[in-house]
Structures are given as structure tokens and as C-alpha cells.
Amino acid sequence: MFVVAVRRCLVCDFVEERREHEDEDLIGPACTRCNAPTERVQVLARRSVPREPNPHAAALGRLGGLKGGPARAKALSAKRRRAIAKLAAQARWGRSR
């Protein structure tokens, strides 16, 4: 069972909402700001099964994705596509040339 919980950092008092398993420890995951342990302060909602995506919306999104890539590639020049690909490779592999 999943819950939407409010967690508070034990060091910096940062408060955030997280989706987690109900049996997660009360003192648990690291704070996103300072990486110190957090404590569960409140449970906002409980859900036994995660929401299933709407199949109609997924199909429409896929149709747009199938059209969008080739249309964008046709609109861009070869020089601009190459520059975008270089930036993507640098971001992926952490290289700066």
C-alpha cells in the first residue's frame, strides 16, 4: 500500500511531500536538501493500487510522438541537428569539448 506522506528533515527542518510505501520506516529517507535523515510527520493519503494510465490518452500521446520527431528533424538544418546531438552527448556522458 502506498501513502502520500509529509516528511520533515531532522537537521534543517525542510518539509516535503513524498509518495512511499506504507511500511517505510518513520525515520527514513534522506532529505533532498541536506541528505540528513527525515521523519514522517503526517500521512495525507493512502492508495492500495497505483493509478493506471488512461489508455486513450496514452494512444494520443504516442500518435503525437510519432509525428513530432520526424517533423522537427525536417524543420531543422543539418548543422543545427548536429549541434543538438553534440549537446545531448555531452550531457549524457559528462564531457565538455
PDB file of N, CA and C in Angstrom:
ATOM      1  N   MET A   1       0.848  -1.176   0.000  1.00  0.00           N
ATOM      2  CA  MET A   1       0.000   0.000   0.000  1.00  0.00           C
ATOM      3  C   MET A   1       0.890   1.235   0.000  1.00  0.00           C
ATOM      4  N   PHE A   2       0.520   2.224  -0.798  1.00  0.00           N
ATOM      5  CA  PHE A   2       1.276   3.455  -0.902  1.00  0.00           C
ATOM      6  C   PHE A   2       0.598   4.555  -0.105  1.00  0.00           C
ATOM      7  N   VAL A   3       1.413   5.502   0.366  1.00  0.00           N
ATOM      8  CA  VAL A   3       0.885   6.666   1.068  1.00  0.00           C
ATOM      9  C   VAL A   3       1.574   7.914   0.535  1.00  0.00           C
ATOM     10  N   VAL A   4       0.866   9.026   0.633  1.00  0.00           N
ATOM     11  CA  VAL A   4       1.475  10.330   0.401  1.00  0.00           C
ATOM     12  C   VAL A   4       1.761  10.877   1.788  1.00  0.00           C
ATOM     13  N   ALA A   5       3.047  11.031   2.102  1.00  0.00           N
ATOM     14  CA  ALA A   5       3.442  11.405   3.455  1.00  0.00           C
ATOM     15  C   ALA A   5       4.174  12.740   3.458  1.00  0.00           C
ATOM     16  N   VAL A   6       4.035  13.438   4.562  1.00  0.00           N
ATOM     17  CA  VAL A   6       4.806  14.661   4.789  1.00  0.00           C
ATOM     18  C   VAL A   6       6.007  14.262   5.631  1.00  0.00           C
ATOM     19  N   ARG A   7       7.196  14.597   5.157  1.00  0.00           N
ATOM     20  CA  ARG A   7       8.430  14.281   5.886  1.00  0.00           C
ATOM     21  C   ARG A   7       9.147  15.565   6.246  1.00  0.00           C
ATOM     22  N   ARG A   8       9.745  15.563   7.453  1.00  0.00           N
ATOM     23  CA  ARG A   8      10.500  16.718   7.941  1.00  0.00           C
ATOM     24  C   ARG A   8      11.925  16.284   8.213  1.00  0.00           C
ATOM     25  N   CYS A   9      12.878  17.104   7.762  1.00  0.00           N
ATOM     26  CA  CYS A   9      14.288  16.800   7.986  1.00  0.00           C
ATOM     27  C   CYS A   9      14.620  17.007   9.459  1.00  0.00           C
ATOM     28  N   LEU A  10      15.407  16.116  10.002  1.00  0.00           N
ATOM     29  CA  LEU A  10      15.785  16.209  11.417  1.00  0.00           C
ATOM     30  C   LEU A  10      16.861  17.255  11.666  1.00  0.00           C
ATOM     31  N   VAL A  11      17.522  17.727  10.607  1.00  0.00           N
ATOM     32  CA  VAL A  11      18.593  18.704  10.773  1.00  0.00           C
ATOM     33  C   VAL A  11      18.153  20.098  10.335  1.00  0.00           C
ATOM     34  N   CYS A  12      17.707  20.227   9.083  1.00  0.00           N
ATOM     35  CA  CYS A  12      17.400  21.564   8.555  1.00  0.00           C
ATOM     36  C   CYS A  12      15.918  21.921   8.616  1.00  0.00           C
ATOM     37  N   ASP A  13      15.060  21.024   9.104  1.00  0.00           N
ATOM     38  CA  ASP A  13      13.621  21.238   9.247  1.00  0.00           C
ATOM     39  C   ASP A  13      12.898  21.492   7.924  1.00  0.00           C
ATOM     40  N   PHE A  14      13.488  21.081   6.802  1.00  0.00           N
ATOM     41  CA  PHE A  14      12.831  21.182   5.495  1.00  0.00           C
ATOM     42  C   PHE A  14      11.677  20.198   5.467  1.00  0.00           C
ATOM     43  N   VAL A  15      10.521  20.624   4.952  1.00  0.00           N
ATOM     44  CA  VAL A  15       9.328  19.785   4.897  1.00  0.00           C
ATOM     45  C   VAL A  15       8.989  19.522   3.436  1.00  0.00           C
ATOM     46  N   GLU A  16       8.722  18.251   3.118  1.00  0.00           N
ATOM     47  CA  GLU A  16       8.352  17.897   1.749  1.00  0.00           C
ATOM     48  C   GLU A  16       7.349  16.758   1.752  1.00  0.00           C
ATOM     49  N   GLU A  17       6.597  16.651   0.654  1.00  0.00           N
ATOM     50  CA  GLU A  17       5.654  15.544   0.472  1.00  0.00           C
ATOM     51  C   GLU A  17       6.333  14.488  -0.382  1.00  0.00           C
ATOM     52  N   ARG A  18       6.127  13.220  -0.016  1.00  0.00           N
ATOM     53  CA  ARG A  18       6.703  12.095  -0.757  1.00  0.00           C
ATOM     54  C   ARG A  18       5.665  11.010  -0.914  1.00  0.00           C
ATOM     55  N   ARG A  19       5.769  10.242  -2.005  1.00  0.00           N
ATOM     56  CA  ARG A  19       4.963   9.049  -2.189  1.00  0.00           C
ATOM     57  C   ARG A  19       5.864   7.880  -1.816  1.00  0.00           C
ATOM     58  N   GLU A  20       5.423   7.047  -0.881  1.00  0.00           N
ATOM     59  CA  GLU A  20       6.265   5.957  -0.390  1.00  0.00           C
ATOM     60  C   GLU A  20       5.400   4.789   0.053  1.00  0.00           C
ATOM     61  N   HIS A  21       6.025   3.663   0.310  1.00  0.00           N
ATOM     62  CA  HIS A  21       5.310   2.509   0.834  1.00  0.00           C
ATOM     63  C   HIS A  21       4.894   2.785   2.268  1.00  0.00           C
ATOM     64  N   GLU A  22       3.772   2.216   2.652  1.00  0.00           N
ATOM     65  CA  GLU A  22       3.263   2.454   3.998  1.00  0.00           C
ATOM     66  C   GLU A  22       4.206   1.889   5.063  1.00  0.00           C
ATOM     67  N   ASP A  23       4.900   0.799   4.761  1.00  0.00           N
ATOM     68  CA  ASP A  23       5.770   0.186   5.756  1.00  0.00           C
ATOM     69  C   ASP A  23       7.176   0.799   5.790  1.00  0.00           C
ATOM     70  N   GLU A  24       7.384   1.919   5.100  1.00  0.00           N
ATOM     71  CA  GLU A  24       8.666   2.640   5.160  1.00  0.00           C
ATOM     72  C   GLU A  24       8.897   3.087   6.608  1.00  0.00           C
ATOM     73  N   ASP A  25      10.152   3.079   7.042  1.00  0.00           N
ATOM     74  CA  ASP A  25      10.476   3.484   8.411  1.00  0.00           C
ATOM     75  C   ASP A  25      10.022   4.911   8.690  1.00  0.00           C
ATOM     76  N   LEU A  26       9.634   5.172   9.944  1.00  0.00           N
ATOM     77  CA  LEU A  26       9.242   6.527  10.322  1.00  0.00           C
ATOM     78  C   LEU A  26      10.426   7.482  10.223  1.00  0.00           C
ATOM     79  N   ILE A  27      11.592   7.012  10.620  1.00  0.00           N
ATOM     80  CA  ILE A  27      12.827   7.767  10.396  1.00  0.00           C
ATOM     81  C   ILE A  27      13.465   7.110   9.186  1.00  0.00           C
ATOM     82  N   GLY A  28      13.503   7.838   8.069  1.00  0.00           N
ATOM     83  CA  GLY A  28      13.876   7.136   6.867  1.00  0.00           C
ATOM     84  C   GLY A  28      14.722   7.877   5.873  1.00  0.00           C
ATOM     85  N   PRO A  29      14.191   8.066   4.662  1.00  0.00           N
ATOM     86  CA  PRO A  29      14.990   8.524   3.531  1.00  0.00           C
ATOM     87  C   PRO A  29      15.660   9.865   3.780  1.00  0.00           C
ATOM     88  N   ALA A  30      16.700  10.112   3.019  1.00  0.00           N
ATOM     89  CA  ALA A  30      17.493  11.330   3.191  1.00  0.00           C
ATOM     90  C   ALA A  30      16.731  12.554   2.704  1.00  0.00           C
ATOM     91  N   CYS A  31      17.004  13.674   3.336  1.00  0.00           N
ATOM     92  CA  CYS A  31      16.459  14.971   2.951  1.00  0.00           C
ATOM     93  C   CYS A  31      17.009  15.343   1.575  1.00  0.00           C
ATOM     94  N   THR A  32      16.181  15.943   0.736  1.00  0.00           N
ATOM     95  CA  THR A  32      16.637  16.324  -0.596  1.00  0.00           C
ATOM     96  C   THR A  32      17.540  17.550  -0.567  1.00  0.00           C
ATOM     97  N   ARG A  33      17.553  18.264   0.536  1.00  0.00           N
ATOM     98  CA  ARG A  33      18.408  19.453   0.628  1.00  0.00           C
ATOM     99  C   ARG A  33      19.749  19.163   1.296  1.00  0.00           C
ATOM    100  N   CYS A  34      19.742  18.469   2.449  1.00  0.00           N
ATOM    101  CA  CYS A  34      20.993  18.307   3.200  1.00  0.00           C
ATOM    102  C   CYS A  34      21.398  16.849   3.395  1.00  0.00           C
ATOM    103  N   ASN A  35      20.616  15.911   2.873  1.00  0.00           N
ATOM    104  CA  ASN A  35      20.894  14.468   2.958  1.00  0.00           C
ATOM    105  C   ASN A  35      20.896  13.895   4.373  1.00  0.00           C
ATOM    106  N   ALA A  36      20.316  14.602   5.310  1.00  0.00           N
ATOM    107  CA  ALA A  36      20.163  14.076   6.670  1.00  0.00           C
ATOM    108  C   ALA A  36      18.891  13.220   6.715  1.00  0.00           C
ATOM    109  N   PRO A  37      18.724  12.391   7.728  1.00  0.00           N
ATOM    110  CA  PRO A  37      17.506  11.581   7.824  1.00  0.00           C
ATOM    111  C   PRO A  37      16.256  12.444   8.009  1.00  0.00           C
ATOM    112  N   THR A  38      15.132  11.917   7.546  1.00  0.00           N
ATOM    113  CA  THR A  38      13.858  12.610   7.707  1.00  0.00           C
ATOM    114  C   THR A  38      12.914  11.755   8.540  1.00  0.00           C
ATOM    115  N   GLU A  39      11.908  12.391   9.112  1.00  0.00           N
ATOM    116  CA  GLU A  39      10.892  11.660   9.858  1.00  0.00           C
ATOM    117  C   GLU A  39       9.536  11.918   9.232  1.00  0.00           C
ATOM    118  N   ARG A  40       8.688  10.886   9.249  1.00  0.00           N
ATOM    119  CA  ARG A  40       7.324  11.026   8.728  1.00  0.00           C
ATOM    120  C   ARG A  40       6.501  11.770   9.766  1.00  0.00           C
ATOM    121  N   VAL A  41       5.957  12.906   9.355  1.00  0.00           N
ATOM    122  CA  VAL A  41       5.186  13.751  10.255  1.00  0.00           C
ATOM    123  C   VAL A  41       3.695  13.480  10.115  1.00  0.00           C
ATOM    124  N   GLN A  42       3.243  13.243   8.876  1.00  0.00           N
ATOM    125  CA  GLN A  42       1.813  13.114   8.634  1.00  0.00           C
ATOM    126  C   GLN A  42       1.604  12.271   7.380  1.00  0.00           C
ATOM    127  N   VAL A  43       0.509  11.532   7.356  1.00  0.00           N
ATOM    128  CA  VAL A  43       0.103  10.793   6.158  1.00  0.00           C
ATOM    129  C   VAL A  43      -1.097  11.523   5.573  1.00  0.00           C
ATOM    130  N   LEU A  44      -0.961  11.978   4.317  1.00  0.00           N
ATOM    131  CA  LEU A  44      -2.028  12.749   3.688  1.00  0.00           C
ATOM    132  C   LEU A  44      -3.036  11.866   2.963  1.00  0.00           C
ATOM    133  N   ALA A  45      -2.570  10.793   2.332  1.00  0.00           N
ATOM    134  CA  ALA A  45      -3.488   9.947   1.558  1.00  0.00           C
ATOM    135  C   ALA A  45      -2.943   8.532   1.504  1.00  0.00           C
ATOM    136  N   ARG A  46      -3.839   7.568   1.380  1.00  0.00           N
ATOM    137  CA  ARG A  46      -3.466   6.165   1.238  1.00  0.00           C
ATOM    138  C   ARG A  46      -4.034   5.643  -0.071  1.00  0.00           C
ATOM    139  N   ARG A  47      -3.258   4.826  -0.758  1.00  0.00           N
ATOM    140  CA  ARG A  47      -3.704   4.248  -2.021  1.00  0.00           C
ATOM    141  C   ARG A  47      -3.159   2.832  -2.107  1.00  0.00           C
ATOM    142  N   SER A  48      -4.042   1.872  -2.313  1.00  0.00           N
ATOM    143  CA  SER A  48      -3.615   0.481  -2.363  1.00  0.00           C
ATOM    144  C   SER A  48      -3.039   0.109  -3.723  1.00  0.00           C
ATOM    145  N   VAL A  49      -3.555   0.696  -4.790  1.00  0.00           N
ATOM    146  CA  VAL A  49      -3.083   0.379  -6.132  1.00  0.00           C
ATOM    147  C   VAL A  49      -2.709   1.687  -6.822  1.00  0.00           C
ATOM    148  N   PRO A  50      -1.537   1.765  -7.428  1.00  0.00           N
ATOM    149  CA  PRO A  50      -1.200   2.992  -8.153  1.00  0.00           C
ATOM    150  C   PRO A  50      -2.163   3.203  -9.321  1.00  0.00           C
ATOM    151  N   ARG A  51      -2.378   4.426  -9.686  1.00  0.00           N
ATOM    152  CA  ARG A  51      -3.296   4.738 -10.772  1.00  0.00           C
ATOM    153  C   ARG A  51      -2.790   4.165 -12.081  1.00  0.00           C
ATOM    154  N   GLU A  52      -3.701   3.604 -12.830  1.00  0.00           N
ATOM    155  CA  GLU A  52      -3.381   3.101 -14.162  1.00  0.00           C
ATOM    156  C   GLU A  52      -3.535   4.240 -15.155  1.00  0.00           C
ATOM    157  N   PRO A  53      -2.629   4.334 -16.130  1.00  0.00           N
ATOM    158  CA  PRO A  53      -2.768   5.410 -17.112  1.00  0.00           C
ATOM    159  C   PRO A  53      -3.996   5.191 -17.999  1.00  0.00           C
ATOM    160  N   ASN A  54      -4.568   6.268 -18.440  1.00  0.00           N
ATOM    161  CA  ASN A  54      -5.716   6.212 -19.335  1.00  0.00           C
ATOM    162  C   ASN A  54      -5.223   5.723 -20.693  1.00  0.00           C
ATOM    163  N   PRO A  55      -5.708   4.589 -21.196  1.00  0.00           N
ATOM    164  CA  PRO A  55      -5.189   4.057 -22.460  1.00  0.00           C
ATOM    165  C   PRO A  55      -5.463   4.968 -23.647  1.00  0.00           C
ATOM    166  N   HIS A  56      -6.562   5.723 -23.610  1.00  0.00           N
ATOM    167  CA  HIS A  56      -6.873   6.629 -24.716  1.00  0.00           C
ATOM    168  C   HIS A  56      -5.880   7.791 -24.751  1.00  0.00           C
ATOM    169  N   ALA A  57      -5.563   8.330 -23.592  1.00  0.00           N
ATOM    170  CA  ALA A  57      -4.592   9.421 -23.525  1.00  0.00           C
ATOM    171  C   ALA A  57      -3.204   8.937 -23.937  1.00  0.00           C
ATOM    172  N   ALA A  58      -2.846   7.726 -23.541  1.00  0.00           N
ATOM    173  CA  ALA A  58      -1.548   7.178 -23.921  1.00  0.00           C
ATOM    174  C   ALA A  58      -1.451   6.996 -25.431  1.00  0.00           C
ATOM    175  N   ALA A  59      -2.539   6.542 -26.053  1.00  0.00           N
ATOM    176  CA  ALA A  59      -2.544   6.354 -27.506  1.00  0.00           C
ATOM    177  C   ALA A  59      -2.414   7.692 -28.229  1.00  0.00           C
ATOM    178  N   LEU A  60      -3.108   8.717 -27.734  1.00  0.00           N
ATOM    179  CA  LEU A  60      -2.995  10.034 -28.357  1.00  0.00           C
ATOM    180  C   LEU A  60      -1.587  10.602 -28.206  1.00  0.00           C
ATOM    181  N   GLY A  61      -0.989  10.417 -27.055  1.00  0.00           N
ATOM    182  CA  GLY A  61       0.378  10.882 -26.850  1.00  0.00           C
ATOM    183  C   GLY A  61       1.360  10.190 -27.767  1.00  0.00           C
ATOM    184  N   ARG A  62       1.157   8.907 -27.969  1.00  0.00           N
ATOM    185  CA  ARG A  62       2.035   8.158 -28.864  1.00  0.00           C
ATOM    186  C   ARG A  62       1.894   8.659 -30.296  1.00  0.00           C
ATOM    187  N   LEU A  63       0.664   8.946 -30.724  1.00  0.00           N
ATOM    188  CA  LEU A  63       0.472   9.470 -32.077  1.00  0.00           C
ATOM    189  C   LEU A  63       1.228  10.781 -32.274  1.00  0.00           C
ATOM    190  N   GLY A  64       1.135  11.655 -31.299  1.00  0.00           N
ATOM    191  CA  GLY A  64       1.856  12.927 -31.386  1.00  0.00           C
ATOM    192  C   GLY A  64       3.356  12.715 -31.412  1.00  0.00           C
ATOM    193  N   GLY A  65       3.849  11.773 -30.622  1.00  0.00           N
ATOM    194  CA  GLY A  65       5.277  11.491 -30.590  1.00  0.00           C
ATOM    195  C   GLY A  65       5.777  10.925 -31.905  1.00  0.00           C
ATOM    196  N   LEU A  66       4.959  10.108 -32.542  1.00  0.00           N
ATOM    197  CA  LEU A  66       5.361   9.535 -33.826  1.00  0.00           C
ATOM    198  C   LEU A  66       5.451  10.603 -34.906  1.00  0.00           C
ATOM    199  N   LYS A  67       4.621  11.633 -34.812  1.00  0.00           N
ATOM    200  CA  LYS A  67       4.632  12.704 -35.814  1.00  0.00           C
ATOM    201  C   LYS A  67       5.681  13.770 -35.505  1.00  0.00           C
ATOM    202  N   GLY A  68       5.864  14.048 -34.221  1.00  0.00           N
ATOM    203  CA  GLY A  68       6.687  15.188 -33.814  1.00  0.00           C
ATOM    204  C   GLY A  68       8.155  15.069 -34.152  1.00  0.00           C
ATOM    205  N   GLY A  69       8.744  13.896 -33.937  1.00  0.00           N
ATOM    206  CA  GLY A  69      10.168  13.723 -34.187  1.00  0.00           C
ATOM    207  C   GLY A  69      10.556  13.951 -35.634  1.00  0.00           C
ATOM    208  N   PRO A  70       9.909  13.262 -36.579  1.00  0.00           N
ATOM    209  CA  PRO A  70      10.242  13.494 -37.988  1.00  0.00           C
ATOM    210  C   PRO A  70       9.957  14.932 -38.435  1.00  0.00           C
ATOM    211  N   ALA A  71       8.880  15.548 -37.922  1.00  0.00           N
ATOM    212  CA  ALA A  71       8.563  16.924 -38.299  1.00  0.00           C
ATOM    213  C   ALA A  71       9.643  17.876 -37.802  1.00  0.00           C
ATOM    214  N   ARG A  72      10.136  17.656 -36.588  1.00  0.00           N
ATOM    215  CA  ARG A  72      11.193  18.515 -36.047  1.00  0.00           C
ATOM    216  C   ARG A  72      12.479  18.320 -36.830  1.00  0.00           C
ATOM    217  N   ALA A  73      12.809  17.080 -37.146  1.00  0.00           N
ATOM    218  CA  ALA A  73      14.024  16.801 -37.908  1.00  0.00           C
ATOM    219  C   ALA A  73      13.971  17.463 -39.284  1.00  0.00           C
ATOM    220  N   LYS A  74      12.804  17.471 -39.911  1.00  0.00           N
ATOM    221  CA  LYS A  74      12.664  18.090 -41.228  1.00  0.00           C
ATOM    222  C   LYS A  74      12.818  19.605 -41.134  1.00  0.00           C
ATOM    223  N   ALA A  75      12.360  20.203 -40.026  1.00  0.00           N
ATOM    224  CA  ALA A  75      12.403  21.651 -39.869  1.00  0.00           C
ATOM    225  C   ALA A  75      13.801  22.168 -39.532  1.00  0.00           C
ATOM    226  N   LEU A  76      14.645  21.333 -38.926  1.00  0.00           N
ATOM    227  CA  LEU A  76      15.978  21.769 -38.519  1.00  0.00           C
ATOM    228  C   LEU A  76      16.993  21.538 -39.637  1.00  0.00           C
ATOM    229  N   SER A  77      17.982  22.429 -39.692  1.00  0.00           N
ATOM    230  CA  SER A  77      19.068  22.226 -40.645  1.00  0.00           C
ATOM    231  C   SER A  77      19.998  21.140 -40.119  1.00  0.00           C
ATOM    232  N   ALA A  78      20.818  20.586 -41.010  1.00  0.00           N
ATOM    233  CA  ALA A  78      21.768  19.543 -40.612  1.00  0.00           C
ATOM    234  C   ALA A  78      22.757  20.083 -39.580  1.00  0.00           C
ATOM    235  N   LYS A  79      23.167  21.326 -39.741  1.00  0.00           N
ATOM    236  CA  LYS A  79      24.127  21.941 -38.807  1.00  0.00           C
ATOM    237  C   LYS A  79      23.505  22.049 -37.403  1.00  0.00           C
ATOM    238  N   ARG A  80      22.231  22.469 -37.332  1.00  0.00           N
ATOM    239  CA  ARG A  80      21.563  22.622 -36.029  1.00  0.00           C
ATOM    240  C   ARG A  80      21.315  21.257 -35.384  1.00  0.00           C
ATOM    241  N   ARG A  81      20.920  20.239 -36.181  1.00  0.00           N
ATOM    242  CA  ARG A  81      20.728  18.889 -35.634  1.00  0.00           C
ATOM    243  C   ARG A  81      22.026  18.359 -35.055  1.00  0.00           C
ATOM    244  N   ARG A  82      23.147  18.604 -35.756  1.00  0.00           N
ATOM    245  CA  ARG A  82      24.458  18.156 -35.273  1.00  0.00           C
ATOM    246  C   ARG A  82      24.811  18.845 -33.951  1.00  0.00           C
ATOM    247  N   ALA A  83      24.534  20.144 -33.838  1.00  0.00           N
ATOM    248  CA  ALA A  83      24.822  20.883 -32.599  1.00  0.00           C
ATOM    249  C   ALA A  83      23.981  20.335 -31.438  1.00  0.00           C
ATOM    250  N   ILE A  84      22.715  20.045 -31.699  1.00  0.00           N
ATOM    251  CA  ILE A  84      21.840  19.482 -30.663  1.00  0.00           C
ATOM    252  C   ILE A  84      22.350  18.109 -30.230  1.00  0.00           C
ATOM    253  N   ALA A  85      22.770  17.294 -31.192  1.00  0.00           N
ATOM    254  CA  ALA A  85      23.279  15.958 -30.873  1.00  0.00           C
ATOM    255  C   ALA A  85      24.550  16.042 -30.040  1.00  0.00           C
ATOM    256  N   LYS A  86      25.431  16.998 -30.342  1.00  0.00           N
ATOM    257  CA  LYS A  86      26.662  17.168 -29.547  1.00  0.00           C
ATOM    258  C   LYS A  86      26.331  17.554 -28.113  1.00  0.00           C
ATOM    259  N   LEU A  87      25.385  18.489 -27.941  1.00  0.00           N
ATOM    260  CA  LEU A  87      24.984  18.893 -26.588  1.00  0.00           C
ATOM    261  C   LEU A  87      24.387  17.722 -25.814  1.00  0.00           C
ATOM    262  N   ALA A  88      23.588  16.912 -26.498  1.00  0.00           N
ATOM    263  CA  ALA A  88      22.980  15.759 -25.837  1.00  0.00           C
ATOM    264  C   ALA A  88      24.045  14.750 -25.410  1.00  0.00           C
ATOM    265  N   ALA A  89      25.027  14.498 -26.264  1.00  0.00           N
ATOM    266  CA  ALA A  89      26.093  13.560 -25.926  1.00  0.00           C
ATOM    267  C   ALA A  89      26.925  14.080 -24.760  1.00  0.00           C
ATOM    268  N   GLN A  90      27.202  15.387 -24.744  1.00  0.00           N
ATOM    269  CA  GLN A  90      27.965  15.967 -23.627  1.00  0.00           C
ATOM    270  C   GLN A  90      27.194  15.849 -22.318  1.00  0.00           C
ATOM    271  N   ALA A  91      25.902  16.093 -22.377  1.00  0.00           N
ATOM    272  CA  ALA A  91      25.079  15.986 -21.171  1.00  0.00           C
ATOM    273  C   ALA A  91      25.007  14.538 -20.699  1.00  0.00           C
ATOM    274  N   ARG A  92      24.910  13.617 -21.639  1.00  0.00           N
ATOM    275  CA  ARG A  92      24.776  12.200 -21.294  1.00  0.00           C
ATOM    276  C   ARG A  92      26.063  11.648 -20.713  1.00  0.00           C
ATOM    277  N   TRP A  93      27.176  11.984 -21.301  1.00  0.00           N
ATOM    278  CA  TRP A  93      28.447  11.384 -20.913  1.00  0.00           C
ATOM    279  C   TRP A  93      29.318  12.281 -20.062  1.00  0.00           C
ATOM    280  N   GLY A  94      28.899  13.504 -19.790  1.00  0.00           N
ATOM    281  CA  GLY A  94      29.629  14.386 -18.888  1.00  0.00           C
ATOM    282  C   GLY A  94      30.909  14.938 -19.461  1.00  0.00           C
ATOM    283  N   ARG A  95      31.027  14.981 -20.750  1.00  0.00           N
ATOM    284  CA  ARG A  95      32.227  15.516 -21.383  1.00  0.00           C
ATOM    285  C   ARG A  95      31.944  16.944 -21.837  1.00  0.00           C
ATOM    286  N   SER A  96      32.957  17.785 -21.743  1.00  0.00           N
ATOM    287  CA  SER A  96      32.821  19.136 -22.292  1.00  0.00           C
ATOM    288  C   SER A  96      33.975  19.370 -23.256  1.00  0.00           C
ATOM    289  N   ARG A  97      33.639  19.527 -24.510  1.00  0.00           N
ATOM    290  CA  ARG A  97      34.660  19.740 -25.545  1.00  0.00           C
ATOM    291  C   ARG A  97      34.466  21.057 -26.194  1.00  0.00           C
TER     292      ARG A  97
END
